[in-house]
Amino acid sequence: MRVSEDLWFGELGTDPAEQEAARSLAAMVAEMSGLRPFSPAVQRLLATIQNVYFSVGEVTKLIEGDPALSARVLRSVNSAAVGLRQRCSNVKHAVTLLGARAITQMASALQILDRFGGASEAGGIVVAHSSAVAALARVLGERLRLPERDTLFTCGILHDLGKLLMLQVSADLVVGDREDPYPKLLLDYADRRDAVHERERALYGYDHAVLGAHVLRTWQVPEPLPQVVAWHHQPERAFAAGGDIAVMVAALRLADRLAHDLRGAPEPDPLRLEELAEDPSATLLGIDERNFTRLWAELVDAANTAKLTE
């Protein structure tokens, strides 16, 4: 299997180490691709929104045809993580309010979490963190009126999908010796933001972000979601690309940082606000200390109440 060069974290060239990393990643993508997480209803939803002429009615009917999916979508749409100002009483209302594409993305992401998340201590930590990041990304997207803000919520849910996939085959991903497996790596790095991907690259030749993105593409999850997931640990590439991708990666990275920084910080600390405002992602989004102060209470509430799984 050939991996997509535009998602790779480096330049695929003639270096033997890069070629070996590409082969390792391709093998992992091939293995993970067979773990289909989607119900028939979600598979039909994904196929439907690929058609530029799809209708809201088609999407609504497909969701309503699966009672379990309908309940899951409504529960999530009405959760604090989404933070809508009005409750949705039926699927049609949810699709109209958020949009058919956003609802389809949400349904897909939630089924992925249900399929792969929470089966272990490490998996539970990943899911809880992803829930918080999704909630924070949505707040930033709405309050800053960012492009693709509904997709940002789903990017938050799925940004660490690669970690959940790697946990599925953790027996084959060993750090050091057989007594120090991948789940332990995740637990050791749970409180170290923006660090575990570097250790993954050193050990396996690829990281969870690029793995998750490649698998999302094989599952036919539409862009720009796979691209944003792939580059959330590669801000230089994303910012150089510009456009909506740069903005979405910046918002996702900032939400990821806030998910760590907001824990135990109900009141904004001046030094913390200054550090956040100097973050390259905040700079790209045009957020300063005053913006963070104004949004702080809402961000804290979103991080503390986000829950996408039961």
C-alpha atoms as a PDB file:
ATOM      1  CA  MET A   1       0.000   0.000   0.000  1.00  0.00           C
ATOM      2  CA  ARG A   2       1.342   3.428  -0.949  1.00  0.00           C
ATOM      3  CA  VAL A   3       0.845   6.171   1.635  1.00  0.00           C
ATOM      4  CA  SER A   4      -0.251   9.648   0.567  1.00  0.00           C
ATOM      5  CA  GLU A   5       2.777  11.908   0.502  1.00  0.00           C
ATOM      6  CA  ASP A   6       0.732  15.016   1.329  1.00  0.00           C
ATOM      7  CA  LEU A   7      -0.081  13.567   4.764  1.00  0.00           C
ATOM      8  CA  TRP A   8       3.438  12.346   5.530  1.00  0.00           C
ATOM      9  CA  PHE A   9       5.287  14.196   8.295  1.00  0.00           C
ATOM     10  CA  GLY A  10       8.530  14.415   6.291  1.00  0.00           C
ATOM     11  CA  GLU A  11       9.703  14.469   2.727  1.00  0.00           C
ATOM     12  CA  LEU A  12       9.542  10.989   1.243  1.00  0.00           C
ATOM     13  CA  GLY A  13      12.823  10.593  -0.550  1.00  0.00           C
ATOM     14  CA  THR A  14      15.558   8.049  -1.027  1.00  0.00           C
ATOM     15  CA  ASP A  15      16.726   7.876   2.593  1.00  0.00           C
ATOM     16  CA  PRO A  16      16.515   4.209   3.728  1.00  0.00           C
ATOM     17  CA  ALA A  17      15.086   5.201   7.112  1.00  0.00           C
ATOM     18  CA  GLU A  18      12.296   7.190   5.441  1.00  0.00           C
ATOM     19  CA  GLN A  19      11.508   4.307   3.115  1.00  0.00           C
ATOM     20  CA  GLU A  20      11.357   1.885   6.033  1.00  0.00           C
ATOM     21  CA  ALA A  21       9.088   4.264   7.939  1.00  0.00           C
ATOM     22  CA  ALA A  22       6.817   4.515   4.893  1.00  0.00           C
ATOM     23  CA  ARG A  23       6.624   0.726   4.639  1.00  0.00           C
ATOM     24  CA  SER A  24       5.833   0.455   8.365  1.00  0.00           C
ATOM     25  CA  LEU A  25       3.122   3.078   8.093  1.00  0.00           C
ATOM     26  CA  ALA A  26       1.656   1.453   4.982  1.00  0.00           C
ATOM     27  CA  ALA A  27       1.502  -1.889   6.778  1.00  0.00           C
ATOM     28  CA  MET A  28      -0.235  -0.332   9.770  1.00  0.00           C
ATOM     29  CA  VAL A  29      -2.715   1.530   7.557  1.00  0.00           C
ATOM     30  CA  ALA A  30      -3.507  -1.690   5.705  1.00  0.00           C
ATOM     31  CA  GLU A  31      -4.128  -3.507   8.986  1.00  0.00           C
ATOM     32  CA  MET A  32      -6.251  -0.717  10.460  1.00  0.00           C
ATOM     33  CA  SER A  33      -8.265  -0.259   7.256  1.00  0.00           C
ATOM     34  CA  GLY A  34      -9.942  -3.612   7.816  1.00  0.00           C
ATOM     35  CA  LEU A  35     -11.385  -2.435  11.145  1.00  0.00           C
ATOM     36  CA  ARG A  36     -14.500  -0.872   9.676  1.00  0.00           C
ATOM     37  CA  PRO A  37     -16.142   1.194  12.404  1.00  0.00           C
ATOM     38  CA  PHE A  38     -19.264   2.326  10.574  1.00  0.00           C
ATOM     39  CA  SER A  39     -22.773   0.921  10.636  1.00  0.00           C
ATOM     40  CA  PRO A  40     -24.561   0.525   7.275  1.00  0.00           C
ATOM     41  CA  ALA A  41     -26.486   3.746   8.004  1.00  0.00           C
ATOM     42  CA  VAL A  42     -23.303   5.778   8.488  1.00  0.00           C
ATOM     43  CA  GLN A  43     -21.711   4.200   5.416  1.00  0.00           C
ATOM     44  CA  ARG A  44     -24.722   5.363   3.399  1.00  0.00           C
ATOM     45  CA  LEU A  45     -24.499   8.824   4.994  1.00  0.00           C
ATOM     46  CA  LEU A  46     -20.857   9.183   4.003  1.00  0.00           C
ATOM     47  CA  ALA A  47     -21.660   8.093   0.456  1.00  0.00           C
ATOM     48  CA  THR A  48     -24.625  10.487   0.281  1.00  0.00           C
ATOM     49  CA  ILE A  49     -22.727  13.640   1.212  1.00  0.00           C
ATOM     50  CA  GLN A  50     -20.110  12.888  -1.437  1.00  0.00           C
ATOM     51  CA  ASN A  51     -22.808  13.799  -3.968  1.00  0.00           C
ATOM     52  CA  VAL A  52     -22.971  17.559  -4.436  1.00  0.00           C
ATOM     53  CA  TYR A  53     -26.718  17.250  -5.057  1.00  0.00           C
ATOM     54  CA  PHE A  54     -27.598  15.512  -1.781  1.00  0.00           C
ATOM     55  CA  SER A  55     -30.575  16.828   0.182  1.00  0.00           C
ATOM     56  CA  VAL A  56     -31.174  17.451   3.872  1.00  0.00           C
ATOM     57  CA  GLY A  57     -34.190  15.170   3.600  1.00  0.00           C
ATOM     58  CA  GLU A  58     -32.025  12.255   2.433  1.00  0.00           C
ATOM     59  CA  VAL A  59     -29.647  12.659   5.369  1.00  0.00           C
ATOM     60  CA  THR A  60     -32.485  12.999   7.862  1.00  0.00           C
ATOM     61  CA  LYS A  61     -34.206   9.869   6.546  1.00  0.00           C
ATOM     62  CA  LEU A  62     -31.009   7.808   6.743  1.00  0.00           C
ATOM     63  CA  ILE A  63     -30.389   8.783  10.368  1.00  0.00           C
ATOM     64  CA  GLU A  64     -34.016   8.300  11.381  1.00  0.00           C
ATOM     65  CA  GLY A  65     -33.912   4.831   9.815  1.00  0.00           C
ATOM     66  CA  ASP A  66     -31.425   3.741  12.501  1.00  0.00           C
ATOM     67  CA  PRO A  67     -32.991   4.304  15.968  1.00  0.00           C
ATOM     68  CA  ALA A  68     -29.707   3.754  17.820  1.00  0.00           C
ATOM     69  CA  LEU A  69     -27.919   6.238  15.585  1.00  0.00           C
ATOM     70  CA  SER A  70     -30.748   8.761  15.949  1.00  0.00           C
ATOM     71  CA  ALA A  71     -30.555   8.584  19.730  1.00  0.00           C
ATOM     72  CA  ARG A  72     -26.759   8.845  19.692  1.00  0.00           C
ATOM     73  CA  VAL A  73     -26.779  11.895  17.433  1.00  0.00           C
ATOM     74  CA  LEU A  74     -29.488  13.711  19.397  1.00  0.00           C
ATOM     75  CA  ARG A  75     -27.784  13.008  22.720  1.00  0.00           C
ATOM     76  CA  SER A  76     -24.510  14.371  21.413  1.00  0.00           C
ATOM     77  CA  VAL A  77     -26.033  17.377  19.659  1.00  0.00           C
ATOM     78  CA  ASN A  78     -27.730  18.349  22.915  1.00  0.00           C
ATOM     79  CA  SER A  79     -24.630  17.779  25.040  1.00  0.00           C
ATOM     80  CA  ALA A  80     -22.601  20.531  26.628  1.00  0.00           C
ATOM     81  CA  ALA A  81     -19.760  19.611  24.272  1.00  0.00           C
ATOM     82  CA  VAL A  82     -21.723  21.003  21.331  1.00  0.00           C
ATOM     83  CA  GLY A  83     -22.998  24.002  23.295  1.00  0.00           C
ATOM     84  CA  LEU A  84     -26.002  24.947  21.171  1.00  0.00           C
ATOM     85  CA  ARG A  85     -28.300  27.660  22.488  1.00  0.00           C
ATOM     86  CA  GLN A  86     -31.407  25.563  21.830  1.00  0.00           C
ATOM     87  CA  ARG A  87     -32.144  21.889  22.305  1.00  0.00           C
ATOM     88  CA  CYS A  88     -32.934  19.640  19.359  1.00  0.00           C
ATOM     89  CA  SER A  89     -36.034  17.524  19.786  1.00  0.00           C
ATOM     90  CA  ASN A  90     -35.724  15.536  16.550  1.00  0.00           C
ATOM     91  CA  VAL A  91     -33.223  14.580  13.882  1.00  0.00           C
ATOM     92  CA  LYS A  92     -34.600  16.979  11.271  1.00  0.00           C
ATOM     93  CA  HIS A  93     -34.079  19.883  13.666  1.00  0.00           C
ATOM     94  CA  ALA A  94     -30.514  18.743  14.371  1.00  0.00           C
ATOM     95  CA  VAL A  95     -29.668  18.408  10.677  1.00  0.00           C
ATOM     96  CA  THR A  96     -31.205  21.802   9.903  1.00  0.00           C
ATOM     97  CA  LEU A  97     -29.405  23.494  12.791  1.00  0.00           C
ATOM     98  CA  LEU A  98     -25.917  22.039  12.299  1.00  0.00           C
ATOM     99  CA  GLY A  99     -26.044  21.040   8.651  1.00  0.00           C
ATOM    100  CA  ALA A 100     -26.098  17.643   6.984  1.00  0.00           C
ATOM    101  CA  ARG A 101     -22.341  17.424   6.527  1.00  0.00           C
ATOM    102  CA  ALA A 102     -21.632  18.343  10.140  1.00  0.00           C
ATOM    103  CA  ILE A 103     -24.146  15.796  11.444  1.00  0.00           C
ATOM    104  CA  THR A 104     -22.705  13.084   9.194  1.00  0.00           C
ATOM    105  CA  GLN A 105     -19.189  13.887  10.377  1.00  0.00           C
ATOM    106  CA  MET A 106     -20.363  13.789  13.981  1.00  0.00           C
ATOM    107  CA  ALA A 107     -22.139  10.456  13.531  1.00  0.00           C
ATOM    108  CA  SER A 108     -19.013   8.977  11.922  1.00  0.00           C
ATOM    109  CA  ALA A 109     -16.719  10.286  14.638  1.00  0.00           C
ATOM    110  CA  LEU A 110     -18.921   9.055  17.466  1.00  0.00           C
ATOM    111  CA  GLN A 111     -19.082   5.573  16.006  1.00  0.00           C
ATOM    112  CA  ILE A 112     -15.301   5.551  15.762  1.00  0.00           C
ATOM    113  CA  LEU A 113     -15.027   6.479  19.446  1.00  0.00           C
ATOM    114  CA  ASP A 114     -17.590   3.815  20.346  1.00  0.00           C
ATOM    115  CA  ARG A 115     -15.616   1.236  18.352  1.00  0.00           C
ATOM    116  CA  PHE A 116     -12.106   2.016  19.544  1.00  0.00           C
ATOM    117  CA  GLY A 117     -12.230   4.162  22.660  1.00  0.00           C
ATOM    118  CA  GLY A 118     -12.347   3.513  26.363  1.00  0.00           C
ATOM    119  CA  ALA A 119     -11.524  -0.205  26.410  1.00  0.00           C
ATOM    120  CA  SER A 120      -8.429   0.446  28.534  1.00  0.00           C
ATOM    121  CA  GLU A 121      -7.117   3.074  30.934  1.00  0.00           C
ATOM    122  CA  ALA A 122      -5.035   4.633  28.185  1.00  0.00           C
ATOM    123  CA  GLY A 123      -7.971   4.545  25.753  1.00  0.00           C
ATOM    124  CA  GLY A 124     -10.228   6.195  28.306  1.00  0.00           C
ATOM    125  CA  ILE A 125      -7.739   9.029  28.757  1.00  0.00           C
ATOM    126  CA  VAL A 126      -7.530   9.538  24.990  1.00  0.00           C
ATOM    127  CA  VAL A 127     -11.333   9.663  24.649  1.00  0.00           C
ATOM    128  CA  ALA A 128     -11.770  12.064  27.570  1.00  0.00           C
ATOM    129  CA  HIS A 129      -9.099  14.359  26.150  1.00  0.00           C
ATOM    130  CA  SER A 130     -10.630  14.192  22.665  1.00  0.00           C
ATOM    131  CA  SER A 131     -14.028  15.137  24.097  1.00  0.00           C
ATOM    132  CA  ALA A 132     -12.548  18.217  25.768  1.00  0.00           C
ATOM    133  CA  VAL A 133     -10.628  19.246  22.649  1.00  0.00           C
ATOM    134  CA  ALA A 134     -13.767  18.890  20.513  1.00  0.00           C
ATOM    135  CA  ALA A 135     -15.768  21.090  22.896  1.00  0.00           C
ATOM    136  CA  LEU A 136     -13.045  23.735  23.068  1.00  0.00           C
ATOM    137  CA  ALA A 137     -12.534  23.734  19.291  1.00  0.00           C
ATOM    138  CA  ARG A 138     -16.236  24.354  18.817  1.00  0.00           C
ATOM    139  CA  VAL A 139     -16.227  27.281  21.260  1.00  0.00           C
ATOM    140  CA  LEU A 140     -13.257  28.835  19.475  1.00  0.00           C
ATOM    141  CA  GLY A 141     -14.837  28.222  16.091  1.00  0.00           C
ATOM    142  CA  GLU A 142     -18.163  29.777  17.058  1.00  0.00           C
ATOM    143  CA  ARG A 143     -16.847  32.761  18.996  1.00  0.00           C
ATOM    144  CA  LEU A 144     -14.172  33.626  16.424  1.00  0.00           C
ATOM    145  CA  ARG A 145     -16.474  32.826  13.472  1.00  0.00           C
ATOM    146  CA  LEU A 146     -13.870  30.543  11.956  1.00  0.00           C
ATOM    147  CA  PRO A 147     -14.368  28.666   8.678  1.00  0.00           C
ATOM    148  CA  GLU A 148     -15.436  25.015   8.884  1.00  0.00           C
ATOM    149  CA  ARG A 149     -16.335  25.477  12.565  1.00  0.00           C
ATOM    150  CA  ASP A 150     -18.638  22.458  12.649  1.00  0.00           C
ATOM    151  CA  THR A 151     -15.900  20.336  11.116  1.00  0.00           C
ATOM    152  CA  LEU A 152     -13.600  21.631  13.859  1.00  0.00           C
ATOM    153  CA  PHE A 153     -15.730  19.848  16.455  1.00  0.00           C
ATOM    154  CA  THR A 154     -15.263  16.552  14.621  1.00  0.00           C
ATOM    155  CA  CYS A 155     -11.543  17.227  14.159  1.00  0.00           C
ATOM    156  CA  GLY A 156     -11.320  17.522  17.925  1.00  0.00           C
ATOM    157  CA  ILE A 157     -13.071  14.179  18.390  1.00  0.00           C
ATOM    158  CA  LEU A 158     -10.784  12.404  15.922  1.00  0.00           C
ATOM    159  CA  HIS A 159      -7.448  14.212  16.233  1.00  0.00           C
ATOM    160  CA  ASP A 160      -5.994  11.390  18.377  1.00  0.00           C
ATOM    161  CA  LEU A 161      -7.674   8.530  16.514  1.00  0.00           C
ATOM    162  CA  GLY A 162      -4.224   7.191  15.657  1.00  0.00           C
ATOM    163  CA  LYS A 163      -3.536   6.575  19.346  1.00  0.00           C
ATOM    164  CA  LEU A 164      -6.697   4.478  19.658  1.00  0.00           C
ATOM    165  CA  LEU A 165      -5.735   2.521  16.548  1.00  0.00           C
ATOM    166  CA  MET A 166      -2.244   1.897  17.871  1.00  0.00           C
ATOM    167  CA  LEU A 167      -3.729   0.667  21.136  1.00  0.00           C
ATOM    168  CA  GLN A 168      -5.596  -1.953  19.081  1.00  0.00           C
ATOM    169  CA  VAL A 169      -2.279  -3.507  18.087  1.00  0.00           C
ATOM    170  CA  SER A 170      -0.291  -2.502  21.157  1.00  0.00           C
ATOM    171  CA  ALA A 171       1.220  -5.975  21.519  1.00  0.00           C
ATOM    172  CA  ASP A 172       3.174  -5.255  18.342  1.00  0.00           C
ATOM    173  CA  LEU A 173       4.210  -1.734  19.407  1.00  0.00           C
ATOM    174  CA  VAL A 174       6.816  -2.128  22.112  1.00  0.00           C
ATOM    175  CA  VAL A 175       8.826   0.614  23.763  1.00  0.00           C
ATOM    176  CA  GLY A 176      12.160  -0.882  24.786  1.00  0.00           C
ATOM    177  CA  ASP A 177      11.276  -4.409  25.921  1.00  0.00           C
ATOM    178  CA  ARG A 178       8.082  -6.454  26.109  1.00  0.00           C
ATOM    179  CA  GLU A 179       7.358  -5.102  29.588  1.00  0.00           C
ATOM    180  CA  ASP A 180       7.073  -1.527  28.334  1.00  0.00           C
ATOM    181  CA  PRO A 181       4.275  -1.492  25.695  1.00  0.00           C
ATOM    182  CA  TYR A 182       2.511   1.322  23.841  1.00  0.00           C
ATOM    183  CA  PRO A 183      -0.243   1.801  26.471  1.00  0.00           C
ATOM    184  CA  LYS A 184       2.457   2.600  29.022  1.00  0.00           C
ATOM    185  CA  LEU A 185       3.969   5.122  26.610  1.00  0.00           C
ATOM    186  CA  LEU A 186       0.620   6.925  26.398  1.00  0.00           C
ATOM    187  CA  LEU A 187       0.175   6.897  30.176  1.00  0.00           C
ATOM    188  CA  ASP A 188       3.714   8.195  30.699  1.00  0.00           C
ATOM    189  CA  TYR A 189       3.081  11.069  28.289  1.00  0.00           C
ATOM    190  CA  ALA A 190      -0.516  11.814  29.322  1.00  0.00           C
ATOM    191  CA  ASP A 191       0.431  15.149  30.928  1.00  0.00           C
ATOM    192  CA  ARG A 192       3.071  16.127  28.372  1.00  0.00           C
ATOM    193  CA  ARG A 193       1.468  18.159  25.631  1.00  0.00           C
ATOM    194  CA  ASP A 194       2.823  17.968  22.077  1.00  0.00           C
ATOM    195  CA  ALA A 195       5.457  15.378  22.948  1.00  0.00           C
ATOM    196  CA  VAL A 196       4.334  11.772  22.455  1.00  0.00           C
ATOM    197  CA  HIS A 197       4.309  12.057  18.647  1.00  0.00           C
ATOM    198  CA  GLU A 198       8.069  12.688  18.646  1.00  0.00           C
ATOM    199  CA  ARG A 199       8.659   9.517  20.655  1.00  0.00           C
ATOM    200  CA  GLU A 200       6.381   7.586  18.281  1.00  0.00           C
ATOM    201  CA  ARG A 201       8.349   8.786  15.266  1.00  0.00           C
ATOM    202  CA  ALA A 202      11.626   7.763  16.869  1.00  0.00           C
ATOM    203  CA  LEU A 203      10.298   4.283  17.698  1.00  0.00           C
ATOM    204  CA  TYR A 204       8.060   3.435  14.734  1.00  0.00           C
ATOM    205  CA  GLY A 205       8.936   5.883  11.945  1.00  0.00           C
ATOM    206  CA  TYR A 206       5.504   7.575  12.001  1.00  0.00           C
ATOM    207  CA  ASP A 207       3.199   9.141  14.560  1.00  0.00           C
ATOM    208  CA  HIS A 208      -0.436   8.771  15.619  1.00  0.00           C
ATOM    209  CA  ALA A 209      -1.508  11.878  13.688  1.00  0.00           C
ATOM    210  CA  VAL A 210      -0.343  10.715  10.278  1.00  0.00           C
ATOM    211  CA  LEU A 211      -1.580   7.160  10.924  1.00  0.00           C
ATOM    212  CA  GLY A 212      -5.042   8.398  11.921  1.00  0.00           C
ATOM    213  CA  ALA A 213      -5.273  10.603   8.849  1.00  0.00           C
ATOM    214  CA  HIS A 214      -4.312   7.836   6.424  1.00  0.00           C
ATOM    215  CA  VAL A 215      -6.879   5.475   7.956  1.00  0.00           C
ATOM    216  CA  LEU A 216      -9.591   8.153   7.846  1.00  0.00           C
ATOM    217  CA  ARG A 217      -8.953   8.464   4.126  1.00  0.00           C
ATOM    218  CA  THR A 218      -9.215   4.706   3.632  1.00  0.00           C
ATOM    219  CA  TRP A 219     -12.565   4.884   5.470  1.00  0.00           C
ATOM    220  CA  GLN A 220     -13.621   7.598   2.982  1.00  0.00           C
ATOM    221  CA  VAL A 221     -14.067  10.300   5.604  1.00  0.00           C
ATOM    222  CA  PRO A 222     -14.145  13.482   3.490  1.00  0.00           C
ATOM    223  CA  GLU A 223     -11.585  16.267   3.526  1.00  0.00           C
ATOM    224  CA  PRO A 224     -10.493  18.533   5.103  1.00  0.00           C
ATOM    225  CA  LEU A 225     -10.777  16.370   8.218  1.00  0.00           C
ATOM    226  CA  PRO A 226      -7.969  13.876   7.411  1.00  0.00           C
ATOM    227  CA  GLN A 227      -5.610  16.692   6.403  1.00  0.00           C
ATOM    228  CA  VAL A 228      -6.209  18.611   9.640  1.00  0.00           C
ATOM    229  CA  VAL A 229      -5.747  15.461  11.723  1.00  0.00           C
ATOM    230  CA  ALA A 230      -2.504  14.651   9.864  1.00  0.00           C
ATOM    231  CA  TRP A 231      -0.990  18.078  10.426  1.00  0.00           C
ATOM    232  CA  HIS A 232      -2.030  18.862  13.990  1.00  0.00           C
ATOM    233  CA  HIS A 233       1.549  18.112  15.102  1.00  0.00           C
ATOM    234  CA  GLN A 234       2.999  19.784  11.985  1.00  0.00           C
ATOM    235  CA  PRO A 235       1.949  23.438  12.411  1.00  0.00           C
ATOM    236  CA  GLU A 236       4.757  24.769  10.237  1.00  0.00           C
ATOM    237  CA  ARG A 237       3.455  22.815   7.228  1.00  0.00           C
ATOM    238  CA  ALA A 238      -0.147  23.783   7.931  1.00  0.00           C
ATOM    239  CA  PHE A 239       0.614  27.466   8.444  1.00  0.00           C
ATOM    240  CA  ALA A 240       2.754  27.535   5.312  1.00  0.00           C
ATOM    241  CA  ALA A 241      -0.140  26.005   3.346  1.00  0.00           C
ATOM    242  CA  GLY A 242      -2.398  28.840   4.505  1.00  0.00           C
ATOM    243  CA  GLY A 243      -6.134  29.085   3.908  1.00  0.00           C
ATOM    244  CA  ASP A 244      -8.745  27.180   5.892  1.00  0.00           C
ATOM    245  CA  ILE A 245      -6.334  24.318   6.681  1.00  0.00           C
ATOM    246  CA  ALA A 246      -3.982  26.711   8.511  1.00  0.00           C
ATOM    247  CA  VAL A 247      -6.860  28.208  10.490  1.00  0.00           C
ATOM    248  CA  MET A 248      -8.327  24.816  11.390  1.00  0.00           C
ATOM    249  CA  VAL A 249      -4.980  23.378  12.491  1.00  0.00           C
ATOM    250  CA  ALA A 250      -4.321  26.503  14.571  1.00  0.00           C
ATOM    251  CA  ALA A 251      -7.736  26.223  16.253  1.00  0.00           C
ATOM    252  CA  LEU A 252      -7.280  22.502  16.896  1.00  0.00           C
ATOM    253  CA  ARG A 253      -3.812  23.007  18.357  1.00  0.00           C
ATOM    254  CA  LEU A 254      -5.025  25.825  20.562  1.00  0.00           C
ATOM    255  CA  ALA A 255      -7.953  23.711  21.781  1.00  0.00           C
ATOM    256  CA  ASP A 256      -5.492  20.879  22.457  1.00  0.00           C
ATOM    257  CA  ARG A 257      -3.309  23.201  24.538  1.00  0.00           C
ATOM    258  CA  LEU A 258      -6.294  24.624  26.405  1.00  0.00           C
ATOM    259  CA  ALA A 259      -7.492  21.112  27.275  1.00  0.00           C
ATOM    260  CA  HIS A 260      -4.235  20.734  29.202  1.00  0.00           C
ATOM    261  CA  ASP A 261      -3.913  24.281  30.546  1.00  0.00           C
ATOM    262  CA  LEU A 262      -7.493  24.730  31.783  1.00  0.00           C
ATOM    263  CA  ARG A 263      -7.412  21.806  34.185  1.00  0.00           C
ATOM    264  CA  GLY A 264      -7.506  23.245  37.682  1.00  0.00           C
ATOM    265  CA  ALA A 265      -7.499  26.831  36.389  1.00  0.00           C
ATOM    266  CA  PRO A 266     -11.007  28.264  36.930  1.00  0.00           C
ATOM    267  CA  GLU A 267      -9.636  31.816  36.963  1.00  0.00           C
ATOM    268  CA  PRO A 268      -7.384  33.270  34.250  1.00  0.00           C
ATOM    269  CA  ASP A 269      -3.833  33.787  35.480  1.00  0.00           C
ATOM    270  CA  PRO A 270      -2.076  36.820  33.892  1.00  0.00           C
ATOM    271  CA  LEU A 271       1.101  34.867  33.167  1.00  0.00           C
ATOM    272  CA  ARG A 272      -0.850  31.984  31.632  1.00  0.00           C
ATOM    273  CA  LEU A 273      -2.848  34.420  29.493  1.00  0.00           C
ATOM    274  CA  GLU A 274       0.348  36.040  28.257  1.00  0.00           C
ATOM    275  CA  GLU A 275       1.845  32.656  27.354  1.00  0.00           C
ATOM    276  CA  LEU A 276      -1.322  31.595  25.536  1.00  0.00           C
ATOM    277  CA  ALA A 277      -1.446  34.840  23.564  1.00  0.00           C
ATOM    278  CA  GLU A 278       2.151  34.243  22.439  1.00  0.00           C
ATOM    279  CA  ASP A 279       1.333  30.767  21.127  1.00  0.00           C
ATOM    280  CA  PRO A 280       1.804  30.738  17.308  1.00  0.00           C
ATOM    281  CA  SER A 281      -1.694  29.306  16.899  1.00  0.00           C
ATOM    282  CA  ALA A 282      -3.236  32.152  18.892  1.00  0.00           C
ATOM    283  CA  THR A 283      -1.214  34.643  16.857  1.00  0.00           C
ATOM    284  CA  LEU A 284      -2.472  33.169  13.581  1.00  0.00           C
ATOM    285  CA  LEU A 285      -6.069  33.328  14.860  1.00  0.00           C
ATOM    286  CA  GLY A 286      -5.635  36.882  16.151  1.00  0.00           C
ATOM    287  CA  ILE A 287      -6.420  36.061  19.795  1.00  0.00           C
ATOM    288  CA  ASP A 288      -4.877  38.211  22.532  1.00  0.00           C
ATOM    289  CA  GLU A 289      -5.104  38.248  26.338  1.00  0.00           C
ATOM    290  CA  ARG A 290      -8.362  40.200  26.269  1.00  0.00           C
ATOM    291  CA  ASN A 291      -9.995  37.567  24.061  1.00  0.00           C
ATOM    292  CA  PHE A 292      -8.867  34.763  26.373  1.00  0.00           C
ATOM    293  CA  THR A 293     -10.102  36.658  29.443  1.00  0.00           C
ATOM    294  CA  ARG A 294     -13.498  37.212  27.846  1.00  0.00           C
ATOM    295  CA  LEU A 295     -13.830  33.552  26.802  1.00  0.00           C
ATOM    296  CA  TRP A 296     -12.215  31.970  29.863  1.00  0.00           C
ATOM    297  CA  ALA A 297     -15.366  31.008  31.793  1.00  0.00           C
ATOM    298  CA  GLU A 298     -16.975  29.497  28.692  1.00  0.00           C
ATOM    299  CA  LEU A 299     -13.808  27.600  27.832  1.00  0.00           C
ATOM    300  CA  VAL A 300     -13.468  26.224  31.368  1.00  0.00           C
ATOM    301  CA  ASP A 301     -17.102  25.112  31.338  1.00  0.00           C
ATOM    302  CA  ALA A 302     -16.713  23.435  27.939  1.00  0.00           C
ATOM    303  CA  ALA A 303     -13.574  21.554  29.022  1.00  0.00           C
ATOM    304  CA  ASN A 304     -15.072  20.413  32.311  1.00  0.00           C
ATOM    305  CA  THR A 305     -18.453  19.251  31.034  1.00  0.00           C
ATOM    306  CA  ALA A 306     -17.501  17.678  27.691  1.00  0.00           C
ATOM    307  CA  LYS A 307     -18.520  14.026  27.529  1.00  0.00           C
ATOM    308  CA  LEU A 308     -19.047  12.209  24.271  1.00  0.00           C
ATOM    309  CA  THR A 309     -19.170   8.641  25.527  1.00  0.00           C
ATOM    310  CA  GLU A 310     -21.015   6.923  28.324  1.00  0.00           C
END
